[in-house]
N, C-alpha and C. Protein backbone atom coordinates (compact mmCIF):
# COMPACT_ATOMS: atom_id res chain seq x y z
N MET A 1 4.83 -21.74 -0.50
CA MET A 1 4.11 -20.76 -1.14
C MET A 1 3.74 -21.40 -2.63
N LYS A 2 4.48 -21.80 -3.46
CA LYS A 2 4.69 -22.51 -4.64
C LYS A 2 3.94 -23.78 -4.70
N LYS A 3 3.87 -24.62 -3.66
CA LYS A 3 3.29 -25.89 -3.21
C LYS A 3 1.48 -25.39 -3.18
N THR A 4 1.50 -24.34 -2.20
CA THR A 4 0.05 -23.74 -1.75
C THR A 4 -0.50 -23.15 -3.25
N LEU A 5 0.24 -22.43 -4.00
CA LEU A 5 -0.33 -22.06 -5.40
C LEU A 5 -0.76 -23.19 -6.21
N LEU A 6 -0.08 -24.43 -6.26
CA LEU A 6 -0.16 -25.56 -7.14
C LEU A 6 -1.62 -26.27 -6.71
N LEU A 7 -1.51 -26.14 -5.47
CA LEU A 7 -2.78 -26.86 -4.47
C LEU A 7 -3.89 -26.17 -5.18
N ALA A 8 -3.94 -24.97 -5.01
CA ALA A 8 -5.13 -23.88 -5.16
C ALA A 8 -5.61 -24.24 -6.86
N LEU A 9 -4.56 -24.09 -7.74
CA LEU A 9 -4.90 -24.38 -8.83
C LEU A 9 -5.40 -25.78 -9.07
N ALA A 10 -5.26 -27.14 -8.37
CA ALA A 10 -5.65 -28.53 -8.69
C ALA A 10 -7.07 -28.37 -8.22
N ILE A 11 -7.19 -27.82 -7.01
CA ILE A 11 -8.50 -27.60 -6.28
C ILE A 11 -9.45 -27.10 -7.33
N SER A 12 -9.02 -25.83 -7.97
CA SER A 12 -9.85 -25.09 -8.93
C SER A 12 -10.32 -26.00 -9.91
N ALA A 13 -9.58 -26.54 -10.53
CA ALA A 13 -9.60 -27.39 -11.85
C ALA A 13 -10.45 -28.47 -11.47
N ALA A 14 -10.44 -29.05 -10.33
CA ALA A 14 -11.15 -30.20 -9.98
C ALA A 14 -12.63 -29.90 -9.68
N SER A 15 -12.96 -28.53 -9.12
CA SER A 15 -14.19 -27.94 -9.03
C SER A 15 -14.89 -27.44 -10.36
N PHE A 16 -14.01 -26.93 -11.13
CA PHE A 16 -14.53 -26.57 -12.61
C PHE A 16 -15.23 -27.69 -13.48
N ALA A 17 -14.46 -28.74 -13.22
CA ALA A 17 -14.71 -29.94 -14.00
C ALA A 17 -16.24 -30.36 -13.99
N ALA A 18 -16.87 -30.12 -12.83
CA ALA A 18 -18.28 -30.27 -12.56
C ALA A 18 -19.18 -29.07 -12.78
N SER A 19 -18.92 -28.41 -13.89
CA SER A 19 -19.73 -27.21 -13.98
C SER A 19 -20.70 -27.07 -15.10
N ALA A 20 -21.34 -26.08 -15.14
CA ALA A 20 -22.31 -25.84 -16.32
C ALA A 20 -22.32 -24.32 -16.49
N GLY A 21 -22.42 -23.85 -17.75
CA GLY A 21 -22.33 -22.62 -18.10
C GLY A 21 -21.62 -22.04 -19.39
N GLU A 22 -21.38 -20.86 -19.64
CA GLU A 22 -20.39 -20.76 -20.82
C GLU A 22 -19.47 -19.45 -20.44
N ILE A 23 -18.28 -19.60 -20.92
CA ILE A 23 -17.41 -18.78 -20.64
C ILE A 23 -17.14 -17.76 -21.69
N ASN A 24 -16.82 -16.48 -21.36
CA ASN A 24 -17.06 -15.49 -22.40
C ASN A 24 -15.83 -14.71 -22.47
N TYR A 25 -15.12 -14.46 -23.51
CA TYR A 25 -13.90 -13.72 -23.26
C TYR A 25 -14.01 -12.13 -24.12
N ASN A 26 -15.16 -11.96 -24.25
CA ASN A 26 -15.42 -10.56 -24.79
C ASN A 26 -15.99 -9.65 -23.57
N SER A 27 -15.42 -8.91 -23.03
CA SER A 27 -16.14 -8.10 -21.70
C SER A 27 -15.24 -6.65 -21.56
N VAL A 28 -16.07 -6.04 -20.72
CA VAL A 28 -15.34 -4.70 -20.24
C VAL A 28 -15.65 -4.71 -18.73
N GLU A 29 -14.62 -4.26 -18.06
CA GLU A 29 -14.69 -4.23 -16.34
C GLU A 29 -14.46 -3.07 -15.81
N PHE A 30 -14.97 -2.37 -14.73
CA PHE A 30 -14.54 -1.35 -14.01
C PHE A 30 -14.76 -1.46 -12.47
N GLY A 31 -14.01 -0.99 -11.52
CA GLY A 31 -14.02 -0.84 -10.44
C GLY A 31 -13.15 -0.60 -9.66
N TYR A 32 -13.09 -0.99 -8.27
CA TYR A 32 -12.29 -0.38 -7.10
C TYR A 32 -11.12 -1.35 -6.98
N ALA A 33 -9.87 -0.64 -6.60
CA ALA A 33 -8.83 -1.66 -6.70
C ALA A 33 -7.93 -1.14 -5.54
N GLN A 34 -7.27 -2.16 -4.74
CA GLN A 34 -6.16 -1.71 -3.54
C GLN A 34 -4.89 -2.53 -3.89
N THR A 35 -3.76 -1.96 -4.07
CA THR A 35 -2.42 -2.73 -3.90
C THR A 35 -1.62 -2.42 -2.77
N GLN A 36 -1.09 -3.50 -2.48
CA GLN A 36 0.00 -3.23 -1.26
C GLN A 36 1.37 -3.52 -1.81
N LEU A 37 2.20 -2.54 -1.72
CA LEU A 37 3.50 -2.86 -2.31
C LEU A 37 4.59 -2.95 -1.19
N ASP A 38 5.50 -3.72 -1.58
CA ASP A 38 6.84 -3.84 -0.88
C ASP A 38 7.89 -3.56 -1.70
N THR A 39 8.12 -2.20 -1.62
CA THR A 39 9.34 -1.94 -2.66
C THR A 39 10.85 -2.24 -1.97
N GLY A 40 10.75 -2.39 -0.81
CA GLY A 40 12.39 -2.65 0.15
C GLY A 40 13.28 -1.60 -0.52
N SER A 41 14.24 -1.88 -1.18
CA SER A 41 15.18 -0.92 -1.16
C SER A 41 15.28 -0.63 -2.70
N THR A 42 14.33 -0.80 -3.56
CA THR A 42 14.33 -0.46 -4.91
C THR A 42 14.08 1.12 -4.98
N MET A 43 13.98 1.58 -4.12
CA MET A 43 13.33 3.02 -4.30
C MET A 43 14.67 3.98 -3.68
N ASN A 44 15.72 4.21 -4.44
CA ASN A 44 16.80 4.84 -3.85
C ASN A 44 17.25 4.49 -2.43
N ASP A 45 17.10 3.36 -2.21
CA ASP A 45 17.55 3.05 -0.81
C ASP A 45 16.56 3.57 0.44
N LYS A 46 15.25 4.00 0.07
CA LYS A 46 14.40 4.54 0.92
C LYS A 46 13.45 3.09 1.19
N SER A 47 13.26 2.89 2.33
CA SER A 47 12.13 1.81 2.61
C SER A 47 10.89 2.45 2.96
N LEU A 48 9.93 2.11 1.87
CA LEU A 48 8.63 2.42 2.39
C LEU A 48 7.82 1.37 2.87
N GLN A 49 6.97 1.54 3.79
CA GLN A 49 6.43 0.77 4.62
C GLN A 49 4.77 0.89 4.37
N ASP A 50 3.99 -0.06 4.32
CA ASP A 50 2.76 -0.10 4.23
C ASP A 50 1.98 0.86 3.27
N MET A 51 2.65 0.79 2.02
CA MET A 51 2.09 1.73 1.05
C MET A 51 1.03 0.75 0.38
N ARG A 52 0.02 1.21 0.61
CA ARG A 52 -1.22 0.66 -0.20
C ARG A 52 -2.13 1.65 -1.14
N PRO A 53 -1.76 1.59 -2.32
CA PRO A 53 -2.40 2.79 -3.32
C PRO A 53 -3.87 2.13 -3.46
N LYS A 54 -4.75 3.11 -3.28
CA LYS A 54 -6.26 2.85 -3.48
C LYS A 54 -7.00 3.90 -4.56
N GLY A 55 -7.70 2.99 -5.59
CA GLY A 55 -8.36 3.70 -6.52
C GLY A 55 -9.16 3.02 -7.40
N TYR A 56 -8.80 3.26 -8.72
CA TYR A 56 -9.96 2.30 -9.67
C TYR A 56 -9.25 1.80 -10.88
N TYR A 57 -9.90 0.67 -11.42
CA TYR A 57 -9.22 0.10 -12.56
C TYR A 57 -10.24 -0.12 -13.77
N LEU A 58 -9.69 -0.17 -14.67
CA LEU A 58 -10.58 -0.45 -16.04
C LEU A 58 -9.93 -1.34 -16.63
N LYS A 59 -10.54 -2.48 -17.25
CA LYS A 59 -10.00 -3.56 -18.26
C LYS A 59 -11.01 -4.03 -19.10
N GLY A 60 -10.35 -4.88 -19.90
CA GLY A 60 -11.29 -5.70 -21.11
C GLY A 60 -10.51 -6.54 -21.82
N SER A 61 -11.42 -7.40 -22.39
CA SER A 61 -10.93 -8.47 -23.22
C SER A 61 -11.55 -8.61 -24.48
N VAL A 62 -11.15 -9.16 -25.77
CA VAL A 62 -11.86 -9.40 -26.95
C VAL A 62 -11.13 -10.64 -27.59
N GLU A 63 -12.30 -11.45 -27.98
CA GLU A 63 -12.04 -12.68 -28.61
C GLU A 63 -11.45 -12.50 -30.10
N LEU A 64 -10.52 -12.95 -30.69
CA LEU A 64 -10.33 -12.83 -32.02
C LEU A 64 -10.84 -13.65 -33.00
N GLY A 65 -12.08 -13.30 -33.44
CA GLY A 65 -12.87 -14.26 -34.16
C GLY A 65 -13.26 -15.68 -33.58
N GLU A 66 -13.07 -16.56 -34.46
CA GLU A 66 -13.28 -18.13 -34.03
C GLU A 66 -12.18 -18.64 -33.63
N SER A 67 -10.90 -17.95 -33.54
CA SER A 67 -9.87 -18.61 -33.23
C SER A 67 -9.64 -18.65 -31.58
N PRO A 68 -8.85 -19.51 -31.05
CA PRO A 68 -8.71 -19.52 -29.63
C PRO A 68 -8.03 -18.56 -28.87
N PHE A 69 -7.57 -17.52 -29.72
CA PHE A 69 -6.78 -16.30 -29.17
C PHE A 69 -7.81 -15.11 -28.82
N TYR A 70 -7.22 -14.45 -27.95
CA TYR A 70 -7.89 -13.23 -27.46
C TYR A 70 -6.92 -12.12 -27.01
N LEU A 71 -7.22 -11.01 -27.08
CA LEU A 71 -6.54 -9.80 -26.51
C LEU A 71 -6.85 -9.15 -25.18
N PHE A 72 -6.27 -8.67 -24.44
CA PHE A 72 -6.67 -8.22 -23.01
C PHE A 72 -5.52 -6.95 -22.76
N GLY A 73 -6.41 -6.00 -21.86
CA GLY A 73 -5.60 -5.11 -21.37
C GLY A 73 -6.41 -4.35 -20.47
N GLY A 74 -5.37 -3.38 -19.59
CA GLY A 74 -6.05 -2.80 -18.48
C GLY A 74 -5.55 -1.56 -18.02
N PHE A 75 -6.06 -0.66 -17.21
CA PHE A 75 -5.25 0.59 -16.59
C PHE A 75 -5.66 0.75 -15.25
N GLY A 76 -5.03 1.16 -14.18
CA GLY A 76 -5.21 1.39 -12.70
C GLY A 76 -4.59 2.57 -12.26
N GLN A 77 -5.37 3.12 -11.36
CA GLN A 77 -4.62 4.42 -10.78
C GLN A 77 -4.99 4.27 -9.27
N GLY A 78 -4.16 4.51 -8.46
CA GLY A 78 -4.30 4.62 -6.84
C GLY A 78 -3.57 5.66 -5.97
N ASN A 79 -3.91 6.10 -5.11
CA ASN A 79 -3.26 7.05 -4.14
C ASN A 79 -3.13 6.73 -2.82
N ASP A 80 -2.02 7.15 -2.19
CA ASP A 80 -1.65 6.66 -0.76
C ASP A 80 -0.67 7.43 -0.12
N THR A 81 -0.73 7.67 1.18
CA THR A 81 0.23 8.38 1.95
C THR A 81 1.11 7.49 2.59
N ALA A 82 2.46 7.44 2.59
CA ALA A 82 3.15 6.39 3.52
C ALA A 82 4.34 6.98 4.20
N THR A 83 5.30 6.14 4.74
CA THR A 83 6.36 6.76 5.49
C THR A 83 7.51 6.05 4.88
N ALA A 84 8.41 6.98 4.96
CA ALA A 84 9.72 6.80 4.29
C ALA A 84 11.13 6.78 5.26
N HIS A 85 12.00 6.13 5.48
CA HIS A 85 12.97 6.17 6.12
C HIS A 85 14.23 6.83 5.35
N VAL A 86 14.52 8.03 5.50
CA VAL A 86 15.67 8.42 4.74
C VAL A 86 16.71 9.36 5.80
N ALA A 87 17.92 8.87 5.78
CA ALA A 87 19.03 9.60 6.85
C ALA A 87 18.30 9.42 8.30
N ASN A 88 17.79 8.24 8.61
CA ASN A 88 17.35 7.96 9.78
C ASN A 88 16.18 9.12 10.34
N GLU A 89 15.49 9.48 9.34
CA GLU A 89 14.48 10.31 9.75
C GLU A 89 12.99 9.86 8.97
N ARG A 90 11.97 9.87 9.79
CA ARG A 90 10.74 9.51 9.26
C ARG A 90 10.11 10.61 8.39
N VAL A 91 9.85 10.48 6.89
CA VAL A 91 9.38 11.41 6.30
C VAL A 91 8.07 10.97 5.58
N ARG A 92 7.11 11.69 5.90
CA ARG A 92 5.60 11.31 5.39
C ARG A 92 5.84 11.82 3.56
N ILE A 93 5.36 10.78 2.89
CA ILE A 93 5.21 11.23 1.45
C ILE A 93 3.74 10.81 0.83
N ASN A 94 3.45 11.49 -0.23
CA ASN A 94 2.27 11.25 -1.10
C ASN A 94 2.83 10.38 -2.24
N ALA A 95 2.11 9.39 -2.52
CA ALA A 95 2.15 8.65 -3.57
C ALA A 95 1.16 8.12 -4.72
N LYS A 96 1.56 8.25 -5.85
CA LYS A 96 0.41 7.87 -6.92
C LYS A 96 1.02 6.70 -7.54
N GLN A 97 0.11 5.75 -8.10
CA GLN A 97 0.75 4.60 -8.70
C GLN A 97 -0.36 4.55 -9.89
N ARG A 98 0.33 4.42 -11.12
CA ARG A 98 -0.53 3.97 -12.51
C ARG A 98 -0.10 2.75 -13.04
N THR A 99 -0.68 1.94 -13.28
CA THR A 99 -0.37 0.57 -13.98
C THR A 99 -1.03 0.62 -15.27
N TYR A 100 -0.11 -0.26 -16.27
CA TYR A 100 -0.93 -0.34 -17.63
C TYR A 100 -0.60 -1.85 -17.90
N ASP A 101 -1.22 -2.70 -18.55
CA ASP A 101 -0.96 -3.76 -19.12
C ASP A 101 -1.83 -4.10 -20.16
N VAL A 102 -1.24 -4.92 -21.38
CA VAL A 102 -1.74 -5.53 -22.57
C VAL A 102 -1.10 -6.66 -22.96
N GLY A 103 -1.88 -7.72 -23.41
CA GLY A 103 -1.34 -8.93 -23.68
C GLY A 103 -2.19 -9.55 -24.51
N VAL A 104 -1.82 -10.93 -24.85
CA VAL A 104 -2.42 -11.64 -25.63
C VAL A 104 -2.80 -13.18 -24.94
N GLY A 105 -3.60 -14.02 -25.12
CA GLY A 105 -3.88 -15.20 -24.42
C GLY A 105 -4.31 -16.20 -25.30
N ALA A 106 -4.31 -17.41 -25.29
CA ALA A 106 -5.01 -18.49 -25.64
C ALA A 106 -5.78 -19.65 -24.73
N HIS A 107 -6.87 -19.78 -25.20
CA HIS A 107 -7.77 -20.87 -24.23
C HIS A 107 -8.06 -22.38 -24.90
N TYR A 108 -7.88 -23.23 -24.19
CA TYR A 108 -8.14 -24.38 -24.86
C TYR A 108 -8.99 -25.31 -23.91
N GLY A 109 -10.03 -25.93 -24.61
CA GLY A 109 -11.01 -26.53 -23.69
C GLY A 109 -10.77 -27.84 -23.04
N LEU A 110 -10.71 -27.96 -21.82
CA LEU A 110 -10.12 -29.17 -21.04
C LEU A 110 -11.46 -30.09 -21.13
N ASN A 111 -12.68 -29.52 -20.88
CA ASN A 111 -13.67 -30.29 -21.04
C ASN A 111 -14.91 -29.21 -21.65
N GLU A 112 -16.10 -29.66 -21.60
CA GLU A 112 -17.27 -28.56 -22.13
C GLU A 112 -17.33 -27.02 -21.66
N LYS A 113 -16.79 -26.96 -20.04
CA LYS A 113 -17.00 -25.80 -19.49
C LYS A 113 -15.76 -25.44 -18.73
N THR A 114 -14.66 -25.88 -19.02
CA THR A 114 -13.47 -25.54 -18.26
C THR A 114 -12.33 -25.47 -19.44
N ASP A 115 -11.61 -24.15 -19.55
CA ASP A 115 -10.69 -24.00 -20.42
C ASP A 115 -9.31 -23.80 -19.52
N LEU A 116 -8.28 -24.24 -20.58
CA LEU A 116 -6.84 -23.93 -20.11
C LEU A 116 -6.31 -22.84 -20.59
N LEU A 117 -5.81 -21.92 -19.94
CA LEU A 117 -5.24 -20.44 -20.45
C LEU A 117 -3.75 -20.31 -20.45
N VAL A 118 -3.43 -19.65 -21.42
CA VAL A 118 -2.16 -19.48 -21.33
C VAL A 118 -1.82 -17.92 -21.99
N GLU A 119 -1.23 -16.94 -21.36
CA GLU A 119 -1.13 -15.73 -21.59
C GLU A 119 0.11 -15.32 -21.58
N THR A 120 0.57 -14.15 -22.26
CA THR A 120 1.88 -13.21 -21.95
C THR A 120 1.28 -11.96 -22.21
N SER A 121 1.89 -11.10 -21.55
CA SER A 121 1.82 -9.43 -21.32
C SER A 121 2.60 -8.67 -21.28
N TYR A 122 2.68 -7.40 -21.46
CA TYR A 122 3.39 -6.17 -21.23
C TYR A 122 3.09 -5.50 -20.00
N LEU A 123 3.83 -5.13 -18.82
CA LEU A 123 3.33 -4.29 -17.82
C LEU A 123 4.00 -3.00 -17.59
N SER A 124 3.55 -2.09 -17.19
CA SER A 124 3.94 -0.79 -17.13
C SER A 124 3.51 -0.45 -15.77
N ASP A 125 4.62 0.02 -14.59
CA ASP A 125 4.10 0.55 -13.25
C ASP A 125 5.05 1.81 -13.24
N ARG A 126 4.07 2.83 -12.87
CA ARG A 126 4.95 4.25 -12.65
C ARG A 126 4.32 4.69 -11.20
N VAL A 127 5.25 4.87 -10.54
CA VAL A 127 4.88 5.38 -8.88
C VAL A 127 5.48 7.03 -8.87
N SER A 128 4.73 8.02 -8.69
CA SER A 128 5.22 9.32 -8.60
C SER A 128 5.07 9.57 -7.00
N ILE A 129 6.21 10.06 -6.32
CA ILE A 129 6.44 10.25 -5.05
C ILE A 129 6.77 11.98 -4.89
N ASP A 130 5.87 12.51 -3.91
CA ASP A 130 6.12 14.04 -3.39
C ASP A 130 6.42 13.90 -1.86
N ARG A 131 7.68 14.22 -1.48
CA ARG A 131 7.97 14.48 -0.41
C ARG A 131 8.62 15.82 -0.05
N LYS A 132 8.43 16.43 0.88
CA LYS A 132 9.27 17.78 1.38
C LYS A 132 9.51 18.68 0.26
N GLY A 133 8.36 18.48 -0.58
CA GLY A 133 8.58 19.55 -2.10
C GLY A 133 9.45 19.02 -3.10
N LYS A 134 9.74 17.67 -2.89
CA LYS A 134 10.63 17.36 -4.04
C LYS A 134 9.70 16.24 -4.81
N HIS A 135 9.84 15.94 -5.86
CA HIS A 135 8.92 15.24 -6.85
C HIS A 135 9.90 14.02 -7.54
N GLU A 136 9.72 12.91 -7.14
CA GLU A 136 10.49 11.81 -7.88
C GLU A 136 9.52 10.70 -8.55
N ARG A 137 10.01 10.19 -9.43
CA ARG A 137 9.54 8.94 -10.24
C ARG A 137 10.10 7.72 -10.18
N VAL A 138 9.29 6.62 -10.19
CA VAL A 138 9.90 5.28 -10.31
C VAL A 138 8.84 4.61 -11.31
N ASN A 139 9.57 4.24 -12.45
CA ASN A 139 9.20 3.66 -13.65
C ASN A 139 9.56 2.30 -13.89
N GLY A 140 8.79 1.38 -14.28
CA GLY A 140 9.15 0.04 -14.44
C GLY A 140 8.41 -0.67 -15.29
N GLU A 141 9.25 -1.36 -16.05
CA GLU A 141 8.53 -2.28 -17.32
C GLU A 141 8.83 -3.75 -16.83
N ALA A 142 7.96 -4.58 -17.26
CA ALA A 142 8.11 -5.82 -17.14
C ALA A 142 7.40 -6.95 -18.08
N VAL A 143 7.63 -7.91 -18.49
CA VAL A 143 6.71 -9.09 -19.05
C VAL A 143 6.17 -10.41 -18.18
N ARG A 144 5.06 -10.50 -18.57
CA ARG A 144 4.46 -11.66 -17.59
C ARG A 144 4.08 -12.92 -18.53
N PHE A 145 4.31 -13.89 -17.85
CA PHE A 145 3.81 -15.35 -18.46
C PHE A 145 2.86 -15.86 -17.46
N ALA A 146 1.78 -16.21 -17.76
CA ALA A 146 0.82 -17.19 -16.88
C ALA A 146 0.19 -18.32 -17.82
N VAL A 147 -0.16 -19.10 -16.72
CA VAL A 147 -0.91 -20.52 -17.33
C VAL A 147 -1.88 -20.65 -16.28
N GLY A 148 -3.06 -21.13 -16.47
CA GLY A 148 -4.09 -21.40 -15.28
C GLY A 148 -5.41 -22.07 -16.08
N VAL A 149 -6.40 -22.04 -15.35
CA VAL A 149 -7.67 -22.42 -15.75
C VAL A 149 -8.79 -21.58 -15.43
N ASP A 150 -9.76 -21.62 -16.41
CA ASP A 150 -11.05 -20.88 -16.38
C ASP A 150 -12.43 -21.76 -16.60
N GLY A 151 -13.38 -21.59 -15.71
CA GLY A 151 -14.53 -22.53 -15.64
C GLY A 151 -15.61 -22.21 -14.85
N MET A 152 -16.67 -22.81 -15.32
CA MET A 152 -18.06 -22.47 -14.70
C MET A 152 -18.34 -23.49 -13.83
N MET A 153 -18.41 -22.90 -12.67
CA MET A 153 -18.97 -23.72 -11.28
C MET A 153 -20.61 -24.06 -11.19
N THR A 154 -21.13 -22.94 -11.77
CA THR A 154 -22.51 -23.14 -11.71
C THR A 154 -22.76 -22.26 -12.97
N ASP A 155 -24.28 -22.35 -13.33
CA ASP A 155 -24.74 -21.52 -14.56
C ASP A 155 -24.26 -19.91 -14.40
N LYS A 156 -24.44 -19.47 -13.24
CA LYS A 156 -23.85 -18.24 -12.83
C LYS A 156 -22.55 -17.77 -12.14
N LEU A 157 -21.88 -18.81 -11.67
CA LEU A 157 -20.65 -18.45 -11.13
C LEU A 157 -19.51 -19.03 -12.00
N GLU A 158 -18.70 -18.39 -12.13
CA GLU A 158 -17.37 -18.57 -13.00
C GLU A 158 -16.33 -18.24 -11.95
N GLY A 159 -15.14 -19.15 -12.05
CA GLY A 159 -13.90 -18.84 -11.30
C GLY A 159 -12.51 -19.14 -12.25
N TRP A 160 -11.42 -18.71 -11.85
CA TRP A 160 -10.26 -18.86 -12.57
C TRP A 160 -9.21 -18.85 -11.47
N ALA A 161 -8.17 -19.50 -11.80
CA ALA A 161 -6.79 -19.54 -11.05
C ALA A 161 -5.81 -19.59 -11.91
N LYS A 162 -4.85 -18.61 -11.67
CA LYS A 162 -3.37 -18.75 -12.63
C LYS A 162 -2.15 -18.35 -11.63
N VAL A 163 -1.29 -19.18 -12.42
CA VAL A 163 0.10 -19.22 -11.81
C VAL A 163 0.83 -18.15 -12.72
N ASN A 164 1.60 -17.14 -12.26
CA ASN A 164 2.17 -16.44 -13.36
C ASN A 164 3.82 -15.90 -12.77
N TYR A 165 4.71 -15.80 -14.03
CA TYR A 165 5.87 -15.47 -13.72
C TYR A 165 6.28 -14.03 -14.27
N THR A 166 6.97 -13.07 -13.65
CA THR A 166 6.99 -11.83 -13.84
C THR A 166 8.56 -11.33 -13.96
N GLN A 167 8.90 -11.10 -14.95
CA GLN A 167 10.43 -10.62 -15.32
C GLN A 167 10.65 -9.20 -15.74
N GLY A 168 11.28 -8.15 -15.11
CA GLY A 168 11.57 -6.96 -15.49
C GLY A 168 12.30 -5.97 -14.96
N GLU A 169 12.38 -4.66 -15.06
CA GLU A 169 12.92 -3.79 -14.14
C GLU A 169 12.88 -3.61 -12.47
N LEU A 170 11.74 -3.87 -12.17
CA LEU A 170 11.53 -3.69 -10.73
C LEU A 170 11.52 -5.00 -10.25
N THR A 171 11.86 -6.23 -10.86
CA THR A 171 11.70 -7.38 -10.03
C THR A 171 12.85 -8.21 -11.02
N SER A 172 13.39 -8.87 -10.28
CA SER A 172 14.63 -9.85 -10.91
C SER A 172 13.93 -11.34 -11.61
N GLY A 173 12.70 -11.20 -11.13
CA GLY A 173 11.96 -12.51 -11.64
C GLY A 173 11.37 -12.96 -10.48
N GLU A 174 9.92 -13.32 -10.58
CA GLU A 174 9.19 -13.61 -9.42
C GLU A 174 7.91 -14.67 -9.81
N PHE A 175 7.73 -15.35 -8.90
CA PHE A 175 6.33 -16.31 -9.36
C PHE A 175 5.18 -15.68 -8.49
N GLY A 176 4.00 -15.47 -9.08
CA GLY A 176 2.90 -15.09 -8.36
C GLY A 176 1.81 -15.77 -8.72
N ALA A 177 0.30 -15.24 -8.30
CA ALA A 177 -0.89 -16.45 -8.44
C ALA A 177 -1.84 -15.27 -8.65
N GLU A 178 -2.91 -15.77 -9.46
CA GLU A 178 -4.50 -14.78 -9.37
C GLU A 178 -5.21 -15.58 -9.28
N LEU A 179 -6.39 -15.27 -8.22
CA LEU A 179 -7.56 -16.20 -7.84
C LEU A 179 -8.83 -15.27 -8.02
N GLY A 180 -9.68 -15.43 -8.88
CA GLY A 180 -10.80 -14.95 -9.20
C GLY A 180 -12.25 -15.28 -9.66
N ALA A 181 -13.41 -14.36 -9.53
CA ALA A 181 -14.47 -15.11 -9.40
C ALA A 181 -15.75 -14.36 -10.20
N GLN A 182 -16.53 -14.68 -10.67
CA GLN A 182 -17.73 -13.57 -11.26
C GLN A 182 -19.07 -14.33 -11.22
N TYR A 183 -19.89 -13.61 -10.61
CA TYR A 183 -21.15 -13.98 -10.35
C TYR A 183 -22.17 -13.15 -11.56
N SER A 184 -22.64 -13.90 -12.32
CA SER A 184 -23.71 -13.25 -13.54
C SER A 184 -25.08 -12.92 -12.95
N PHE A 185 -25.49 -11.82 -12.86
CA PHE A 185 -26.81 -11.68 -12.82
C PHE A 185 -27.82 -11.73 -13.95
N THR A 186 -27.08 -11.44 -15.12
CA THR A 186 -27.79 -11.84 -16.36
C THR A 186 -26.71 -12.09 -17.33
N LYS A 187 -27.24 -12.20 -18.55
CA LYS A 187 -26.22 -12.60 -19.66
C LYS A 187 -24.98 -11.53 -19.94
N THR A 188 -25.30 -10.28 -19.74
CA THR A 188 -24.51 -9.15 -19.92
C THR A 188 -23.81 -8.80 -18.57
N TRP A 189 -24.65 -8.58 -17.67
CA TRP A 189 -24.05 -8.01 -16.28
C TRP A 189 -23.46 -8.98 -15.10
N GLY A 190 -22.50 -8.79 -14.53
CA GLY A 190 -22.21 -9.40 -13.34
C GLY A 190 -20.98 -8.97 -12.61
N ILE A 191 -21.14 -9.32 -11.23
CA ILE A 191 -19.89 -8.58 -10.34
C ILE A 191 -18.82 -9.50 -10.44
N VAL A 192 -17.48 -8.98 -10.00
CA VAL A 192 -16.55 -9.57 -10.25
C VAL A 192 -15.43 -9.43 -8.99
N GLY A 193 -14.64 -10.31 -8.34
CA GLY A 193 -13.80 -10.19 -7.39
C GLY A 193 -12.31 -10.73 -7.84
N GLN A 194 -11.35 -10.31 -7.43
CA GLN A 194 -10.04 -10.94 -7.72
C GLN A 194 -8.89 -10.44 -6.91
N TYR A 195 -8.12 -11.60 -6.60
CA TYR A 195 -6.94 -11.21 -5.80
C TYR A 195 -5.68 -11.75 -6.51
N ASN A 196 -4.82 -10.73 -6.56
CA ASN A 196 -3.47 -11.04 -6.96
C ASN A 196 -2.26 -11.13 -6.10
N TYR A 197 -1.39 -12.11 -5.84
CA TYR A 197 -0.70 -12.17 -5.21
C TYR A 197 0.82 -12.32 -5.97
N GLY A 198 1.77 -11.32 -5.09
CA GLY A 198 3.06 -11.32 -5.85
C GLY A 198 4.22 -11.21 -4.74
N ARG A 199 5.33 -11.31 -4.69
CA ARG A 199 6.18 -10.90 -3.78
C ARG A 199 6.68 -9.47 -3.52
N ASP A 200 6.42 -8.57 -4.49
CA ASP A 200 6.58 -7.52 -4.50
C ASP A 200 5.52 -6.45 -4.39
N ALA A 201 4.36 -7.00 -5.04
CA ALA A 201 2.99 -6.44 -4.93
C ALA A 201 1.87 -7.37 -4.84
N SER A 202 1.05 -7.09 -4.14
CA SER A 202 -0.18 -7.85 -3.75
C SER A 202 -1.45 -6.82 -3.72
N GLY A 203 -2.78 -7.15 -4.27
CA GLY A 203 -3.68 -6.61 -4.10
C GLY A 203 -5.02 -7.27 -4.60
N TYR A 204 -6.19 -6.61 -4.57
CA TYR A 204 -7.52 -6.86 -4.77
C TYR A 204 -8.10 -5.90 -5.72
N GLN A 205 -9.24 -6.46 -6.54
CA GLN A 205 -10.13 -5.62 -7.33
C GLN A 205 -11.53 -6.27 -6.94
N VAL A 206 -12.48 -5.31 -7.10
CA VAL A 206 -13.81 -5.59 -7.00
C VAL A 206 -14.68 -4.67 -7.89
N GLY A 207 -15.32 -5.13 -8.83
CA GLY A 207 -15.95 -4.31 -9.92
C GLY A 207 -17.29 -4.97 -10.50
N VAL A 208 -17.51 -4.38 -11.53
CA VAL A 208 -18.79 -4.76 -12.56
C VAL A 208 -18.33 -4.98 -13.62
N ARG A 209 -18.90 -6.12 -14.27
CA ARG A 209 -18.32 -6.46 -15.70
C ARG A 209 -19.62 -6.62 -16.69
N ALA A 210 -19.13 -6.03 -17.78
CA ALA A 210 -20.30 -6.11 -19.17
C ALA A 210 -19.73 -7.11 -20.01
N SER A 211 -20.31 -8.20 -20.18
CA SER A 211 -20.06 -9.51 -21.60
C SER A 211 -20.75 -9.05 -22.41
N PHE A 212 -20.11 -9.49 -23.71
CA PHE A 212 -20.79 -8.89 -24.78
C PHE A 212 -20.61 -10.07 -25.84
């Protein structure tokens, strides 16, 4: 998997090098999100299968003046019904997931239309579970470090690829990846799609972005 992620980054960097357009780090984004969780035995020895919270997300970023630094953050919420195995009994549960993240990044121009990205962020993941009239919560916090590239493949098509490492309460340390693209209809409005891969959680987002 690690070799596959590195290959994806290399292919992305090569395609971005022959691009035209402008990268914008000032934006607001809203859309639909779905996550697939593989929590294993992390939830009090209950094995959750096929838990896929579906809902919405909101995120944005802002560049800090003329510096190469930018701030970013986001919020997401999703709901799902899953099956838990407790004492050899199959129990249907209702689950709600809320995620938050906030961080700072820096971009460095590799060429006129391609940037190298380095980011660090704080993440919070909250899962609320209702089963048989009982309410439980699983909360986790983590720190993530990411490196990748962002570039313009055409005047209207932007793409990015990142490799990240996450360390926190719900993970002992894992590598993941992020692949995304934006198609701009105007200088302000565009549609975006993004896929995030991780050992314990993967998912995708589809939304609308306003750049300013």
